Protein backbone atom coordinates (compact mmCIF):
# COMPACT_ATOMS: atom_id res chain seq x y z
CA MET A 1 -121.20 -125.10 -153.84
CA SER A 2 -120.81 -121.41 -153.66
CA ASP A 3 -117.33 -120.02 -151.85
CA PRO A 4 -117.67 -119.77 -148.41
CA THR A 5 -115.23 -116.72 -148.63
CA VAL A 6 -117.41 -114.66 -150.56
CA GLN A 7 -120.02 -113.05 -148.60
CA PRO A 8 -123.45 -111.93 -150.42
CA VAL A 9 -124.35 -108.04 -150.14
CA PRO A 10 -126.51 -107.03 -147.40
CA ALA A 11 -129.72 -105.31 -148.18
CA ALA A 12 -129.40 -102.00 -147.88
CA VAL A 13 -129.55 -100.30 -144.33
CA VAL A 14 -133.02 -98.87 -143.54
CA GLU A 15 -132.29 -95.36 -141.53
CA GLN A 16 -134.56 -92.72 -140.30
CA VAL A 17 -133.92 -89.26 -140.71
CA ASP A 18 -136.23 -86.96 -139.01
CA ALA A 19 -136.86 -84.95 -135.89
CA ALA A 20 -136.28 -87.61 -133.14
CA ASP A 21 -133.22 -85.78 -132.26
CA ILE A 22 -135.48 -82.57 -131.47
CA THR A 23 -138.62 -84.37 -130.26
CA LEU A 24 -136.36 -86.24 -127.69
CA SER A 25 -134.63 -83.72 -125.10
CA ASN A 26 -130.96 -84.99 -124.68
CA PRO A 27 -131.65 -88.59 -126.29
CA LYS A 28 -128.73 -90.81 -125.93
CA ARG A 29 -127.94 -93.32 -128.52
CA ALA A 30 -128.14 -97.37 -127.72
CA VAL A 31 -127.55 -100.13 -129.70
CA ILE A 32 -129.84 -103.19 -129.22
CA ALA A 33 -129.12 -107.04 -130.97
CA LEU A 34 -132.32 -108.80 -131.97
CA GLY A 35 -132.49 -112.38 -132.36
CA SER A 36 -135.29 -115.47 -133.18
CA ASN A 37 -135.10 -118.73 -133.79
CA LEU A 38 -138.38 -120.15 -132.89
CA GLY A 39 -142.12 -119.27 -134.91
CA ASN A 40 -142.12 -116.84 -137.58
CA ARG A 41 -138.42 -115.27 -136.94
CA LEU A 42 -138.93 -112.69 -139.45
CA GLU A 43 -142.36 -111.64 -138.08
CA THR A 44 -141.07 -111.33 -134.64
CA LEU A 45 -138.17 -109.23 -135.46
CA GLN A 46 -140.40 -107.02 -136.91
CA GLY A 47 -142.71 -107.12 -133.98
CA ALA A 48 -139.61 -105.90 -131.59
CA VAL A 49 -138.74 -103.19 -133.73
CA ASP A 50 -141.98 -101.73 -133.81
CA ALA A 51 -142.30 -102.56 -130.03
CA LEU A 52 -139.60 -100.73 -129.70
CA GLU A 53 -140.77 -97.69 -131.78
CA ASP A 54 -143.73 -97.29 -129.41
CA THR A 55 -142.40 -97.19 -126.68
CA PRO A 56 -142.32 -93.47 -124.82
CA GLY A 57 -138.69 -91.78 -125.17
CA VAL A 58 -137.71 -94.13 -127.87
CA ARG A 59 -137.46 -93.51 -131.33
CA VAL A 60 -135.73 -95.91 -133.55
CA LYS A 61 -133.28 -94.10 -136.03
CA ALA A 62 -131.83 -97.49 -137.95
CA VAL A 63 -132.66 -101.34 -138.74
CA SER A 64 -129.74 -103.66 -140.21
CA PRO A 65 -129.37 -105.96 -142.35
CA VAL A 66 -130.91 -109.38 -141.51
CA TYR A 67 -128.55 -111.72 -140.87
CA GLU A 68 -129.23 -115.67 -140.25
CA THR A 69 -126.52 -117.50 -138.30
CA GLU A 70 -126.10 -120.67 -136.21
CA PRO A 71 -127.14 -120.87 -132.57
CA TRP A 72 -124.19 -119.67 -130.26
CA GLY A 73 -123.37 -122.06 -127.37
CA VAL A 74 -124.98 -125.41 -128.28
CA ALA A 75 -124.20 -128.68 -130.24
CA PRO A 76 -124.27 -127.94 -134.08
CA GLY A 77 -127.81 -129.08 -135.78
CA SER A 78 -129.81 -129.10 -131.90
CA GLN A 79 -131.66 -126.02 -132.45
CA LEU A 80 -133.16 -123.97 -135.65
CA ALA A 81 -130.99 -121.02 -137.00
CA TYR A 82 -131.15 -117.87 -135.50
CA LEU A 83 -132.35 -114.42 -137.72
CA ASN A 84 -130.29 -111.52 -136.00
CA ALA A 85 -130.23 -108.01 -136.43
CA VAL A 86 -129.17 -104.82 -135.07
CA VAL A 87 -131.45 -101.96 -134.22
CA VAL A 88 -129.75 -98.15 -133.30
CA VAL A 89 -132.20 -96.06 -131.09
CA LYS A 90 -132.19 -92.34 -130.03
CA THR A 91 -133.56 -92.31 -126.18
CA THR A 92 -134.24 -90.54 -123.29
CA LEU A 93 -134.78 -93.55 -121.19
CA PRO A 94 -132.20 -94.23 -118.57
CA PRO A 95 -130.15 -97.60 -119.24
CA GLY A 96 -132.26 -99.58 -116.64
CA SER A 97 -135.57 -98.71 -117.95
CA LEU A 98 -135.15 -99.46 -121.42
CA LEU A 99 -133.56 -103.05 -120.57
CA GLU A 100 -137.09 -103.19 -118.70
CA ARG A 101 -138.79 -102.43 -121.97
CA ALA A 102 -136.67 -104.80 -123.78
CA HIS A 103 -137.51 -107.58 -121.13
CA ALA A 104 -141.39 -106.27 -121.73
CA ILE A 105 -140.97 -107.13 -125.49
CA GLU A 106 -139.68 -110.64 -124.94
CA GLU A 107 -142.63 -111.30 -122.33
CA ALA A 108 -144.90 -110.39 -125.05
CA PHE A 109 -143.32 -112.47 -127.47
CA ASP A 110 -143.65 -115.31 -125.07
CA ARG A 111 -139.83 -115.56 -124.52
CA VAL A 112 -139.01 -118.45 -121.99
CA ARG A 113 -135.77 -118.10 -120.11
CA GLU A 114 -135.32 -121.55 -118.76
CA GLU A 115 -131.76 -122.55 -120.29
CA ARG A 116 -129.30 -120.41 -120.70
CA TRP A 117 -128.74 -121.09 -124.52
CA GLY A 118 -131.88 -122.33 -125.31
CA PRO A 119 -133.89 -121.75 -128.38
CA ARG A 120 -136.19 -118.45 -128.00
CA THR A 121 -139.09 -116.49 -130.06
CA ILE A 122 -136.78 -113.27 -129.26
CA ASP A 123 -133.69 -111.88 -127.27
CA VAL A 124 -133.76 -108.00 -127.36
CA ASP A 125 -130.05 -106.79 -125.52
CA ILE A 126 -128.83 -103.77 -124.92
CA VAL A 127 -125.34 -103.76 -126.81
CA SER A 128 -124.36 -100.31 -125.92
CA TYR A 129 -126.17 -97.56 -124.60
CA ALA A 130 -123.68 -93.75 -125.13
CA GLU A 131 -120.56 -94.38 -123.70
CA VAL A 132 -121.54 -95.98 -120.45
CA VAL A 133 -119.36 -98.80 -119.09
CA SER A 134 -120.73 -100.18 -116.05
CA ASP A 135 -120.39 -103.77 -114.30
CA ASP A 136 -123.69 -103.55 -112.60
CA PRO A 137 -124.95 -107.08 -112.48
CA PHE A 138 -128.75 -105.98 -113.45
CA LEU A 139 -127.23 -104.46 -116.65
CA THR A 140 -123.45 -104.77 -118.14
CA LEU A 141 -122.60 -102.37 -120.39
CA PRO A 142 -121.32 -102.54 -123.01
CA HIS A 143 -122.82 -106.04 -123.23
CA PRO A 144 -120.13 -108.48 -122.01
CA ARG A 145 -119.63 -110.99 -125.07
CA ALA A 146 -120.93 -108.50 -127.73
CA HIS A 147 -116.67 -108.56 -128.92
CA GLU A 148 -117.02 -112.47 -129.33
CA ARG A 149 -120.24 -112.39 -131.64
CA ALA A 150 -119.70 -111.81 -135.27
CA PHE A 151 -123.70 -111.97 -135.43
CA VAL A 152 -123.91 -108.71 -133.52
CA LEU A 153 -120.70 -106.76 -134.77
CA ALA A 154 -121.62 -108.23 -138.40
CA PRO A 155 -125.10 -106.50 -138.81
CA TRP A 156 -124.31 -103.37 -136.40
CA SER A 157 -121.39 -102.72 -138.92
CA ASP A 158 -123.64 -102.19 -141.64
CA VAL A 159 -125.55 -100.00 -139.66
CA ASP A 160 -122.49 -97.69 -138.57
CA PRO A 161 -119.32 -98.77 -139.74
CA ALA A 162 -117.48 -96.22 -137.73
CA ALA A 163 -119.13 -97.47 -134.77
CA GLN A 164 -116.76 -98.19 -131.30
CA LEU A 165 -117.69 -100.90 -128.56
CA PRO A 166 -116.94 -98.86 -125.55
CA GLY A 167 -114.04 -100.39 -123.71
CA ARG A 168 -113.27 -102.75 -126.54
CA GLY A 169 -112.56 -100.55 -129.71
CA ALA A 170 -113.65 -100.23 -133.27
CA ILE A 171 -116.50 -102.65 -134.19
CA ALA A 172 -114.67 -102.89 -137.42
CA GLU A 173 -111.52 -104.26 -136.08
CA LEU A 174 -113.41 -106.78 -133.88
CA LEU A 175 -115.19 -108.06 -136.56
CA ALA A 176 -112.37 -108.42 -138.78
CA ALA A 177 -110.53 -110.48 -135.84
CA LEU A 178 -113.54 -112.56 -135.89
CA GLY A 179 -114.55 -112.97 -139.44
CA ARG A 180 -117.94 -114.09 -140.33
CA GLU A 181 -118.23 -117.49 -140.57
CA GLY A 182 -121.52 -119.05 -140.34
CA VAL A 183 -123.22 -115.44 -140.46
CA VAL A 184 -124.77 -115.18 -143.37
CA ALA A 185 -126.70 -111.88 -145.14
CA ARG A 186 -130.33 -112.85 -145.97
CA ALA A 187 -130.92 -109.96 -148.70
CA ASP A 188 -134.21 -111.69 -149.31
CA LEU A 189 -135.81 -110.44 -146.30
CA GLU A 190 -135.81 -107.04 -144.78
CA LEU A 191 -137.06 -105.22 -141.81
CA ARG A 192 -139.16 -101.90 -142.28
CA LEU A 193 -138.56 -98.89 -140.23
CA PRO A 194 -141.66 -98.07 -137.98
CA GLU A 195 -143.25 -95.12 -139.72
């Protein structure tokens, strides 16, 4: 039996180094969390990454390693495990428009919103947008539960270890306080950065 305190080394972080900052006028940095526990989970996550890149005014800058996690908020064993990843984008879209695009991607992958913690083909959540802090019920920024979710903080930490969650502090410290129990790096799975 493997030692649960030893974490496997995640697959390499994929980062795009290009002229996105020049081709977009005054872009903002946004962090988007992806999760899937129905169907071909990896293929669906890749499809979401590609759909983000195909969005006018959005450039995918980095894609995290893939993690596998137990479903959050439900009884153990009641659902299949999730694959999770984080994508960092530069965008000229305002937060509300980026959220509309996230919902459109979910709809394209037949996301059903029947129960709060139900299984899903894809979850596309805006975790943070620049330094924006907002209690708007349409889009609360940063995501109101991101600081409680190791399945968001672990892949985000891989992409940007020095990142800060606005209003909550350093993600490295938040992750250290939560621990990584139940959040397993899948070095055998990798998301590609769109070309």
